[in-house]
Amino acid sequence: EHDFLDRFAAAAADGFEAVEYLFPYPYDATELRRRLDDHGLRQVLFNA
């Protein structure tokens, strides 16, 4: 229900401490890193 980059904040707001997803490649890695850091999340899995 959120744009992809806004899903990090939504997950953190619900108490998740980690995220996974299929593919990071449509997004710049530094932007994804910023979303993780801004919301105290760990990236634990994605696909090649």
All heavy atoms as atom14 arrays in JSON, in Angstrom:
{
  "sequence": "EHDFLDRFAAAAADGFEAVEYLFPYPYDATELRRRLDDHGLRQVLFNA",
  "atom14_mask": [
    [1, 1, 1, 1, 1, 1, 1, 1, 1, 0, 0, 0, 0, 0],
    [1, 1, 1, 1, 1, 1, 1, 1, 1, 1, 0, 0, 0, 0],
    [1, 1, 1, 1, 1, 1, 1, 1, 0, 0, 0, 0, 0, 0],
    [1, 1, 1, 1, 1, 1, 1, 1, 1, 1, 1, 0, 0, 0],
    [1, 1, 1, 1, 1, 1, 1, 1, 0, 0, 0, 0, 0, 0],
    [1, 1, 1, 1, 1, 1, 1, 1, 0, 0, 0, 0, 0, 0],
    [1, 1, 1, 1, 1, 1, 1, 1, 1, 1, 1, 0, 0, 0],
    [1, 1, 1, 1, 1, 1, 1, 1, 1, 1, 1, 0, 0, 0],
    [1, 1, 1, 1, 1, 0, 0, 0, 0, 0, 0, 0, 0, 0],
    [1, 1, 1, 1, 1, 0, 0, 0, 0, 0, 0, 0, 0, 0],
    [1, 1, 1, 1, 1, 0, 0, 0, 0, 0, 0, 0, 0, 0],
    [1, 1, 1, 1, 1, 0, 0, 0, 0, 0, 0, 0, 0, 0],
    [1, 1, 1, 1, 1, 0, 0, 0, 0, 0, 0, 0, 0, 0],
    [1, 1, 1, 1, 1, 1, 1, 1, 0, 0, 0, 0, 0, 0],
    [1, 1, 1, 1, 0, 0, 0, 0, 0, 0, 0, 0, 0, 0],
    [1, 1, 1, 1, 1, 1, 1, 1, 1, 1, 1, 0, 0, 0],
    [1, 1, 1, 1, 1, 1, 1, 1, 1, 0, 0, 0, 0, 0],
    [1, 1, 1, 1, 1, 0, 0, 0, 0, 0, 0, 0, 0, 0],
    [1, 1, 1, 1, 1, 1, 1, 0, 0, 0, 0, 0, 0, 0],
    [1, 1, 1, 1, 1, 1, 1, 1, 1, 0, 0, 0, 0, 0],
    [1, 1, 1, 1, 1, 1, 1, 1, 1, 1, 1, 1, 0, 0],
    [1, 1, 1, 1, 1, 1, 1, 1, 0, 0, 0, 0, 0, 0],
    [1, 1, 1, 1, 1, 1, 1, 1, 1, 1, 1, 0, 0, 0],
    [1, 1, 1, 1, 1, 1, 1, 0, 0, 0, 0, 0, 0, 0],
    [1, 1, 1, 1, 1, 1, 1, 1, 1, 1, 1, 1, 0, 0],
    [1, 1, 1, 1, 1, 1, 1, 0, 0, 0, 0, 0, 0, 0],
    [1, 1, 1, 1, 1, 1, 1, 1, 1, 1, 1, 1, 0, 0],
    [1, 1, 1, 1, 1, 1, 1, 1, 0, 0, 0, 0, 0, 0],
    [1, 1, 1, 1, 1, 0, 0, 0, 0, 0, 0, 0, 0, 0],
    [1, 1, 1, 1, 1, 1, 1, 0, 0, 0, 0, 0, 0, 0],
    [1, 1, 1, 1, 1, 1, 1, 1, 1, 0, 0, 0, 0, 0],
    [1, 1, 1, 1, 1, 1, 1, 1, 0, 0, 0, 0, 0, 0],
    [1, 1, 1, 1, 1, 1, 1, 1, 1, 1, 1, 0, 0, 0],
    [1, 1, 1, 1, 1, 1, 1, 1, 1, 1, 1, 0, 0, 0],
    [1, 1, 1, 1, 1, 1, 1, 1, 1, 1, 1, 0, 0, 0],
    [1, 1, 1, 1, 1, 1, 1, 1, 0, 0, 0, 0, 0, 0],
    [1, 1, 1, 1, 1, 1, 1, 1, 0, 0, 0, 0, 0, 0],
    [1, 1, 1, 1, 1, 1, 1, 1, 0, 0, 0, 0, 0, 0],
    [1, 1, 1, 1, 1, 1, 1, 1, 1, 1, 0, 0, 0, 0],
    [1, 1, 1, 1, 0, 0, 0, 0, 0, 0, 0, 0, 0, 0],
    [1, 1, 1, 1, 1, 1, 1, 1, 0, 0, 0, 0, 0, 0],
    [1, 1, 1, 1, 1, 1, 1, 1, 1, 1, 1, 0, 0, 0],
    [1, 1, 1, 1, 1, 1, 1, 1, 1, 0, 0, 0, 0, 0],
    [1, 1, 1, 1, 1, 1, 1, 0, 0, 0, 0, 0, 0, 0],
    [1, 1, 1, 1, 1, 1, 1, 1, 0, 0, 0, 0, 0, 0],
    [1, 1, 1, 1, 1, 1, 1, 1, 1, 1, 1, 0, 0, 0],
    [1, 1, 1, 1, 1, 1, 1, 1, 0, 0, 0, 0, 0, 0],
    [1, 1, 1, 1, 1, 0, 0, 0, 0, 0, 0, 0, 0, 0]
  ],
  "atom14_positions": [
    [[0.82, -1.2, 0.0], [0.0, 0.0, 0.0], [0.86, 1.27, 0.0], [0.36, 2.37, -0.16], [-0.95, 0.01, 1.2], [-0.28, -0.15, 2.55], [-0.19, -1.6, 3.03], [0.17, -2.48, 2.23], [-0.49, -1.84, 4.21], [0.0, 0.0, 0.0], [0.0, 0.0, 0.0], [0.0, 0.0, 0.0], [0.0, 0.0, 0.0], [0.0, 0.0, 0.0]],
    [[2.18, 1.08, 0.17], [3.14, 2.19, 0.13], [4.07, 2.02, -1.07], [4.31, 0.9, -1.54], [4.0, 2.19, 1.41], [3.22, 2.27, 2.68], [2.65, 3.43, 3.15], [2.92, 1.3, 3.6], [2.03, 3.19, 4.29], [2.18, 1.91, 4.59], [0.0, 0.0, 0.0], [0.0, 0.0, 0.0], [0.0, 0.0, 0.0], [0.0, 0.0, 0.0]],
    [[4.64, 3.13, -1.55], [5.73, 3.03, -2.52], [6.88, 2.25, -1.89], [7.06, 2.28, -0.66], [6.21, 4.43, -2.92], [5.19, 5.19, -3.75], [4.32, 4.54, -4.37], [5.27, 6.44, -3.76], [0.0, 0.0, 0.0], [0.0, 0.0, 0.0], [0.0, 0.0, 0.0], [0.0, 0.0, 0.0], [0.0, 0.0, 0.0], [0.0, 0.0, 0.0]],
    [[7.68, 1.6, -2.73], [8.67, 0.67, -2.19], [9.59, 1.33, -1.16], [9.81, 0.79, -0.07], [9.52, 0.07, -3.31], [10.54, -0.91, -2.81], [10.17, -2.2, -2.45], [11.87, -0.53, -2.66], [11.12, -3.09, -1.94], [12.81, -1.41, -2.17], [12.43, -2.7, -1.81], [0.0, 0.0, 0.0], [0.0, 0.0, 0.0], [0.0, 0.0, 0.0]],
    [[10.14, 2.49, -1.45], [11.09, 3.09, -0.54], [10.45, 3.55, 0.77], [11.14, 3.77, 1.77], [11.8, 4.26, -1.21], [12.77, 3.87, -2.34], [13.34, 5.11, -3.02], [13.9, 2.98, -1.81], [0.0, 0.0, 0.0], [0.0, 0.0, 0.0], [0.0, 0.0, 0.0], [0.0, 0.0, 0.0], [0.0, 0.0, 0.0], [0.0, 0.0, 0.0]],
    [[9.13, 3.68, 0.78], [8.42, 4.04, 2.01], [8.07, 2.82, 2.86], [7.6, 2.97, 3.99], [7.15, 4.81, 1.67], [7.43, 6.16, 1.03], [8.49, 6.75, 1.34], [6.62, 6.62, 0.2], [0.0, 0.0, 0.0], [0.0, 0.0, 0.0], [0.0, 0.0, 0.0], [0.0, 0.0, 0.0], [0.0, 0.0, 0.0], [0.0, 0.0, 0.0]],
    [[8.29, 1.63, 2.32], [7.94, 0.42, 3.07], [8.89, 0.18, 4.24], [8.53, -0.48, 5.22], [7.93, -0.78, 2.13], [6.85, -0.67, 1.05], [6.92, -1.8, 0.04], [6.12, -1.46, -1.15], [6.05, -2.18, -2.25], [6.74, -3.33, -2.32], [5.32, -1.78, -3.28], [0.0, 0.0, 0.0], [0.0, 0.0, 0.0], [0.0, 0.0, 0.0]],
    [[10.11, 0.69, 4.15], [11.06, 0.53, 5.25], [10.51, 1.2, 6.51], [10.53, 0.61, 7.6], [12.41, 1.13, 4.87], [13.11, 0.41, 3.75], [12.79, 0.67, 2.42], [14.1, -0.52, 4.01], [13.43, 0.01, 1.38], [14.77, -1.18, 2.99], [14.41, -0.92, 1.66], [0.0, 0.0, 0.0], [0.0, 0.0, 0.0], [0.0, 0.0, 0.0]],
    [[10.04, 2.43, 6.37], [9.49, 3.14, 7.52], [8.26, 2.43, 8.06], [8.08, 2.33, 9.29], [9.13, 4.58, 7.11], [0.0, 0.0, 0.0], [0.0, 0.0, 0.0], [0.0, 0.0, 0.0], [0.0, 0.0, 0.0], [0.0, 0.0, 0.0], [0.0, 0.0, 0.0], [0.0, 0.0, 0.0], [0.0, 0.0, 0.0], [0.0, 0.0, 0.0]],
    [[7.41, 1.92, 7.18], [6.2, 1.24, 7.62], [6.54, -0.03, 8.4], [5.91, -0.32, 9.44], [5.33, 0.91, 6.42], [0.0, 0.0, 0.0], [0.0, 0.0, 0.0], [0.0, 0.0, 0.0], [0.0, 0.0, 0.0], [0.0, 0.0, 0.0], [0.0, 0.0, 0.0], [0.0, 0.0, 0.0], [0.0, 0.0, 0.0], [0.0, 0.0, 0.0]],
    [[7.52, -0.79, 7.93], [7.93, -2.01, 8.63], [8.5, -1.69, 10.0], [8.19, -2.34, 11.0], [8.94, -2.78, 7.79], [0.0, 0.0, 0.0], [0.0, 0.0, 0.0], [0.0, 0.0, 0.0], [0.0, 0.0, 0.0], [0.0, 0.0, 0.0], [0.0, 0.0, 0.0], [0.0, 0.0, 0.0], [0.0, 0.0, 0.0], [0.0, 0.0, 0.0]],
    [[9.34, -0.67, 10.06], [9.93, -0.29, 11.34], [8.85, 0.18, 12.31], [8.91, -0.12, 13.51], [10.98, 0.8, 11.13], [0.0, 0.0, 0.0], [0.0, 0.0, 0.0], [0.0, 0.0, 0.0], [0.0, 0.0, 0.0], [0.0, 0.0, 0.0], [0.0, 0.0, 0.0], [0.0, 0.0, 0.0], [0.0, 0.0, 0.0], [0.0, 0.0, 0.0]],
    [[7.87, 0.92, 11.82], [6.79, 1.41, 12.68], [6.0, 0.27, 13.29], [5.44, 0.41, 14.39], [5.87, 2.33, 11.88], [0.0, 0.0, 0.0], [0.0, 0.0, 0.0], [0.0, 0.0, 0.0], [0.0, 0.0, 0.0], [0.0, 0.0, 0.0], [0.0, 0.0, 0.0], [0.0, 0.0, 0.0], [0.0, 0.0, 0.0], [0.0, 0.0, 0.0]],
    [[5.96, -0.88, 12.6], [5.25, -2.05, 13.12], [6.14, -2.94, 13.97], [5.74, -4.04, 14.36], [4.65, -2.85, 11.97], [3.35, -2.25, 11.46], [2.68, -1.55, 12.24], [3.0, -2.48, 10.28], [0.0, 0.0, 0.0], [0.0, 0.0, 0.0], [0.0, 0.0, 0.0], [0.0, 0.0, 0.0], [0.0, 0.0, 0.0], [0.0, 0.0, 0.0]],
    [[7.36, -2.5, 14.24], [8.22, -3.24, 15.15], [9.17, -4.23, 14.5], [9.89, -4.94, 15.2], [0.0, 0.0, 0.0], [0.0, 0.0, 0.0], [0.0, 0.0, 0.0], [0.0, 0.0, 0.0], [0.0, 0.0, 0.0], [0.0, 0.0, 0.0], [0.0, 0.0, 0.0], [0.0, 0.0, 0.0], [0.0, 0.0, 0.0], [0.0, 0.0, 0.0]],
    [[9.2, -4.29, 13.18], [10.18, -5.17, 12.53], [11.58, -4.57, 12.67], [11.77, -3.36, 12.57], [9.85, -5.35, 11.05], [8.7, -6.28, 10.78], [7.44, -5.78, 10.48], [8.87, -7.65, 10.85], [6.37, -6.64, 10.24], [7.81, -8.52, 10.6], [6.56, -8.01, 10.3], [0.0, 0.0, 0.0], [0.0, 0.0, 0.0], [0.0, 0.0, 0.0]],
    [[12.55, -5.45, 12.87], [13.93, -5.03, 12.98], [14.76, -5.42, 11.76], [15.93, -5.04, 11.65], [14.56, -5.65, 14.23], [13.89, -5.2, 15.52], [14.47, -5.87, 16.75], [15.36, -6.75, 16.59], [14.05, -5.51, 17.86], [0.0, 0.0, 0.0], [0.0, 0.0, 0.0], [0.0, 0.0, 0.0], [0.0, 0.0, 0.0], [0.0, 0.0, 0.0]],
    [[14.15, -6.17, 10.83], [14.87, -6.62, 9.65], [13.91, -6.7, 8.47], [12.7, -6.85, 8.65], [15.5, -7.99, 9.9], [0.0, 0.0, 0.0], [0.0, 0.0, 0.0], [0.0, 0.0, 0.0], [0.0, 0.0, 0.0], [0.0, 0.0, 0.0], [0.0, 0.0, 0.0], [0.0, 0.0, 0.0], [0.0, 0.0, 0.0], [0.0, 0.0, 0.0]],
    [[14.49, -6.62, 7.27], [13.71, -6.72, 6.05], [14.43, -7.61, 5.04], [15.64, -7.82, 5.11], [13.45, -5.34, 5.4], [12.62, -4.46, 6.33], [14.76, -4.65, 5.01], [0.0, 0.0, 0.0], [0.0, 0.0, 0.0], [0.0, 0.0, 0.0], [0.0, 0.0, 0.0], [0.0, 0.0, 0.0], [0.0, 0.0, 0.0], [0.0, 0.0, 0.0]],
    [[13.63, -8.14, 4.13], [14.11, -8.84, 2.95], [13.22, -8.41, 1.79], [12.18, -7.79, 1.99], [14.02, -10.36, 3.15], [12.59, -10.86, 3.35], [12.48, -12.37, 3.49], [13.34, -12.96, 4.18], [11.55, -12.95, 2.91], [0.0, 0.0, 0.0], [0.0, 0.0, 0.0], [0.0, 0.0, 0.0], [0.0, 0.0, 0.0], [0.0, 0.0, 0.0]],
    [[13.65, -8.69, 0.58], [12.83, -8.44, -0.6], [13.48, -9.15, -1.77], [14.58, -9.71, -1.64], [12.64, -6.94, -0.88], [13.88, -6.1, -0.73], [14.89, -6.11, -1.69], [14.02, -5.25, 0.36], [16.02, -5.33, -1.55], [15.15, -4.46, 0.51], [16.14, -4.5, -0.45], [17.26, -3.72, -0.31], [0.0, 0.0, 0.0], [0.0, 0.0, 0.0]],
    [[12.8, -9.15, -2.91], [13.32, -9.88, -4.06], [14.59, -9.25, -4.61], [15.65, -9.88, -4.62], [12.25, -9.98, -5.15], [11.06, -10.88, -4.85], [10.07, -10.84, -6.01], [11.5, -12.31, -4.57], [0.0, 0.0, 0.0], [0.0, 0.0, 0.0], [0.0, 0.0, 0.0], [0.0, 0.0, 0.0], [0.0, 0.0, 0.0], [0.0, 0.0, 0.0]],
    [[14.51, -8.01, -5.08], [15.61, -7.44, -5.84], [15.87, -5.99, -5.46], [14.94, -5.17, -5.49], [15.31, -7.51, -7.35], [14.89, -8.88, -7.82], [13.61, -9.09, -8.27], [15.77, -9.94, -7.77], [13.21, -10.35, -8.7], [15.39, -11.21, -8.18], [14.1, -11.41, -8.65], [0.0, 0.0, 0.0], [0.0, 0.0, 0.0], [0.0, 0.0, 0.0]],
    [[17.12, -5.64, -5.17], [17.44, -4.24, -4.86], [17.82, -3.42, -6.09], [17.94, -2.2, -6.01], [18.67, -4.38, -3.95], [19.36, -5.61, -4.46], [18.24, -6.54, -4.91], [0.0, 0.0, 0.0], [0.0, 0.0, 0.0], [0.0, 0.0, 0.0], [0.0, 0.0, 0.0], [0.0, 0.0, 0.0], [0.0, 0.0, 0.0], [0.0, 0.0, 0.0]],
    [[18.01, -4.05, -7.23], [18.73, -3.45, -8.36], [18.06, -2.24, -9.01], [18.76, -1.41, -9.6], [19.05, -4.53, -9.39], [19.62, -5.76, -8.72], [18.87, -6.94, -8.62], [20.87, -5.72, -8.11], [19.36, -8.05, -7.95], [21.37, -6.83, -7.42], [20.61, -7.99, -7.35], [21.09, -9.07, -6.66], [0.0, 0.0, 0.0], [0.0, 0.0, 0.0]],
    [[16.74, -2.08, -8.92], [16.17, -0.85, -9.48], [16.53, 0.41, -8.68], [16.24, 1.52, -9.14], [14.65, -1.11, -9.41], [14.51, -2.59, -9.35], [15.69, -3.04, -8.55], [0.0, 0.0, 0.0], [0.0, 0.0, 0.0], [0.0, 0.0, 0.0], [0.0, 0.0, 0.0], [0.0, 0.0, 0.0], [0.0, 0.0, 0.0], [0.0, 0.0, 0.0]],
    [[17.15, 0.26, -7.51], [17.41, 1.38, -6.63], [18.91, 1.5, -6.37], [19.65, 0.52, -6.36], [16.66, 1.2, -5.31], [15.18, 1.02, -5.51], [14.63, -0.26, -5.59], [14.34, 2.11, -5.66], [13.27, -0.44, -5.81], [12.98, 1.94, -5.88], [12.46, 0.67, -5.96], [11.11, 0.5, -6.19], [0.0, 0.0, 0.0], [0.0, 0.0, 0.0]],
    [[19.32, 2.71, -6.13], [20.72, 2.95, -5.78], [21.01, 2.35, -4.41], [20.23, 2.54, -3.46], [21.0, 4.45, -5.79], [22.47, 4.75, -5.55], [23.25, 4.65, -6.49], [22.81, 5.07, -4.38], [0.0, 0.0, 0.0], [0.0, 0.0, 0.0], [0.0, 0.0, 0.0], [0.0, 0.0, 0.0], [0.0, 0.0, 0.0], [0.0, 0.0, 0.0]],
    [[22.12, 1.66, -4.3], [22.44, 0.99, -3.04], [22.59, 1.96, -1.88], [22.22, 1.66, -0.74], [23.71, 0.15, -3.2], [0.0, 0.0, 0.0], [0.0, 0.0, 0.0], [0.0, 0.0, 0.0], [0.0, 0.0, 0.0], [0.0, 0.0, 0.0], [0.0, 0.0, 0.0], [0.0, 0.0, 0.0], [0.0, 0.0, 0.0], [0.0, 0.0, 0.0]],
    [[23.11, 3.15, -2.16], [23.27, 4.12, -1.07], [21.93, 4.61, -0.55], [21.79, 4.88, 0.65], [24.13, 5.31, -1.53], [23.53, 5.92, -2.67], [25.54, 4.86, -1.89], [0.0, 0.0, 0.0], [0.0, 0.0, 0.0], [0.0, 0.0, 0.0], [0.0, 0.0, 0.0], [0.0, 0.0, 0.0], [0.0, 0.0, 0.0], [0.0, 0.0, 0.0]],
    [[20.93, 4.72, -1.43], [19.6, 5.12, -0.99], [18.96, 4.03, -0.14], [18.33, 4.3, 0.89], [18.7, 5.42, -2.19], [17.26, 5.76, -1.84], [17.12, 7.0, -0.97], [18.04, 7.84, -0.96], [16.1, 7.12, -0.28], [0.0, 0.0, 0.0], [0.0, 0.0, 0.0], [0.0, 0.0, 0.0], [0.0, 0.0, 0.0], [0.0, 0.0, 0.0]],
    [[19.12, 2.76, -0.53], [18.6, 1.66, 0.28], [19.3, 1.62, 1.64], [18.65, 1.4, 2.67], [18.79, 0.34, -0.46], [18.01, 0.18, -1.76], [18.41, -1.09, -2.48], [16.5, 0.18, -1.5], [0.0, 0.0, 0.0], [0.0, 0.0, 0.0], [0.0, 0.0, 0.0], [0.0, 0.0, 0.0], [0.0, 0.0, 0.0], [0.0, 0.0, 0.0]],
    [[20.6, 1.84, 1.64], [21.35, 1.87, 2.9], [20.83, 2.97, 3.82], [20.69, 2.79, 5.04], [22.82, 2.09, 2.59], [23.74, 2.26, 3.79], [24.1, 0.93, 4.4], [23.35, 0.64, 5.6], [23.46, -0.49, 6.28], [24.29, -1.43, 5.89], [22.74, -0.68, 7.36], [0.0, 0.0, 0.0], [0.0, 0.0, 0.0], [0.0, 0.0, 0.0]],
    [[20.52, 4.12, 3.24], [20.01, 5.23, 4.03], [18.67, 4.87, 4.66], [18.41, 5.18, 5.83], [19.87, 6.48, 3.18], [19.44, 7.72, 3.97], [19.45, 8.96, 3.1], [18.34, 8.95, 2.15], [17.1, 9.31, 2.45], [16.79, 9.69, 3.68], [16.17, 9.31, 1.52], [0.0, 0.0, 0.0], [0.0, 0.0, 0.0], [0.0, 0.0, 0.0]],
    [[17.8, 4.19, 3.88], [16.49, 3.79, 4.42], [16.67, 2.81, 5.58], [15.96, 2.89, 6.59], [15.64, 3.18, 3.33], [15.37, 4.1, 2.15], [14.32, 5.13, 2.44], [14.23, 6.13, 1.39], [13.14, 6.82, 1.11], [12.03, 6.65, 1.81], [13.15, 7.73, 0.14], [0.0, 0.0, 0.0], [0.0, 0.0, 0.0], [0.0, 0.0, 0.0]],
    [[17.57, 1.89, 5.43], [17.84, 0.95, 6.52], [18.32, 1.68, 7.77], [17.81, 1.45, 8.88], [18.89, -0.07, 6.09], [18.5, -1.06, 4.99], [19.74, -1.79, 4.49], [17.47, -2.06, 5.5], [0.0, 0.0, 0.0], [0.0, 0.0, 0.0], [0.0, 0.0, 0.0], [0.0, 0.0, 0.0], [0.0, 0.0, 0.0], [0.0, 0.0, 0.0]],
    [[19.29, 2.56, 7.58], [19.88, 3.26, 8.73], [18.88, 4.21, 9.39], [18.81, 4.3, 10.62], [21.12, 4.03, 8.29], [22.27, 3.12, 7.89], [22.22, 1.92, 8.26], [23.2, 3.6, 7.21], [0.0, 0.0, 0.0], [0.0, 0.0, 0.0], [0.0, 0.0, 0.0], [0.0, 0.0, 0.0], [0.0, 0.0, 0.0], [0.0, 0.0, 0.0]],
    [[18.11, 4.9, 8.56], [17.15, 5.86, 9.11], [16.11, 5.19, 10.01], [15.58, 5.83, 10.92], [16.43, 6.6, 7.98], [17.29, 7.67, 7.31], [18.39, 7.94, 7.83], [16.87, 8.21, 6.27], [0.0, 0.0, 0.0], [0.0, 0.0, 0.0], [0.0, 0.0, 0.0], [0.0, 0.0, 0.0], [0.0, 0.0, 0.0], [0.0, 0.0, 0.0]],
    [[15.83, 3.91, 9.74], [14.76, 3.24, 10.47], [15.25, 2.08, 11.33], [14.45, 1.29, 11.82], [13.7, 2.77, 9.48], [13.13, 3.89, 8.67], [12.35, 4.88, 9.23], [13.27, 4.22, 7.36], [12.01, 5.76, 8.29], [12.56, 5.38, 7.16], [0.0, 0.0, 0.0], [0.0, 0.0, 0.0], [0.0, 0.0, 0.0], [0.0, 0.0, 0.0]],
    [[16.56, 2.01, 11.52], [17.11, 1.0, 12.42], [16.88, -0.43, 11.97], [16.67, -1.32, 12.81], [0.0, 0.0, 0.0], [0.0, 0.0, 0.0], [0.0, 0.0, 0.0], [0.0, 0.0, 0.0], [0.0, 0.0, 0.0], [0.0, 0.0, 0.0], [0.0, 0.0, 0.0], [0.0, 0.0, 0.0], [0.0, 0.0, 0.0], [0.0, 0.0, 0.0]],
    [[16.94, -0.66, 10.67], [16.64, -1.97, 10.1], [17.9, -2.67, 9.61], [18.88, -2.03, 9.21], [15.66, -1.83, 8.93], [14.25, -1.35, 9.28], [13.51, -0.95, 8.02], [13.48, -2.43, 10.03], [0.0, 0.0, 0.0], [0.0, 0.0, 0.0], [0.0, 0.0, 0.0], [0.0, 0.0, 0.0], [0.0, 0.0, 0.0], [0.0, 0.0, 0.0]],
    [[17.82, -4.0, 9.6], [18.87, -4.82, 9.01], [18.35, -5.45, 7.73], [17.21, -5.9, 7.67], [19.3, -5.92, 9.99], [19.88, -5.41, 11.28], [20.07, -6.52, 12.3], [21.01, -7.54, 11.83], [21.37, -8.6, 12.56], [20.85, -8.78, 13.77], [22.23, -9.46, 12.09], [0.0, 0.0, 0.0], [0.0, 0.0, 0.0], [0.0, 0.0, 0.0]],
    [[19.2, -5.48, 6.72], [18.88, -6.2, 5.48], [19.39, -7.63, 5.65], [20.59, -7.84, 5.87], [19.57, -5.55, 4.29], [19.3, -6.2, 2.96], [17.97, -5.79, 2.38], [17.64, -4.62, 2.38], [17.21, -6.75, 1.89], [0.0, 0.0, 0.0], [0.0, 0.0, 0.0], [0.0, 0.0, 0.0], [0.0, 0.0, 0.0], [0.0, 0.0, 0.0]],
    [[18.5, -8.63, 5.56], [18.93, -10.0, 5.85], [18.91, -10.91, 4.63], [19.46, -12.01, 4.68], [18.09, -10.62, 6.98], [18.29, -9.83, 8.28], [16.62, -10.7, 6.63], [0.0, 0.0, 0.0], [0.0, 0.0, 0.0], [0.0, 0.0, 0.0], [0.0, 0.0, 0.0], [0.0, 0.0, 0.0], [0.0, 0.0, 0.0], [0.0, 0.0, 0.0]],
    [[18.3, -10.46, 3.52], [18.23, -11.33, 2.35], [17.75, -10.54, 1.14], [16.9, -9.65, 1.27], [17.25, -12.49, 2.59], [17.01, -13.46, 1.42], [18.24, -14.33, 1.18], [15.79, -14.34, 1.68], [0.0, 0.0, 0.0], [0.0, 0.0, 0.0], [0.0, 0.0, 0.0], [0.0, 0.0, 0.0], [0.0, 0.0, 0.0], [0.0, 0.0, 0.0]],
    [[18.31, -10.83, -0.03], [17.72, -10.47, -1.31], [18.21, -11.48, -2.34], [19.06, -12.33, -2.05], [18.02, -9.02, -1.72], [19.49, -8.7, -1.89], [20.16, -9.04, -3.07], [20.19, -8.04, -0.9], [21.51, -8.74, -3.23], [21.54, -7.73, -1.05], [22.19, -8.08, -2.23], [0.0, 0.0, 0.0], [0.0, 0.0, 0.0], [0.0, 0.0, 0.0]],
    [[17.68, -11.4, -3.55], [18.02, -12.37, -4.6], [19.08, -11.82, -5.54], [19.1, -10.6, -5.83], [16.78, -12.71, -5.43], [15.75, -13.51, -4.67], [15.95, -13.87, -3.52], [14.64, -13.79, -5.31], [0.0, 0.0, 0.0], [0.0, 0.0, 0.0], [0.0, 0.0, 0.0], [0.0, 0.0, 0.0], [0.0, 0.0, 0.0], [0.0, 0.0, 0.0]],
    [[19.89, -12.7, -6.08], [20.77, -12.34, -7.18], [19.93, -12.05, -8.42], [18.78, -12.48, -8.52], [21.75, -13.47, -7.45], [0.0, 0.0, 0.0], [0.0, 0.0, 0.0], [0.0, 0.0, 0.0], [0.0, 0.0, 0.0], [0.0, 0.0, 0.0], [0.0, 0.0, 0.0], [0.0, 0.0, 0.0], [0.0, 0.0, 0.0], [0.0, 0.0, 0.0]]
  ]
}
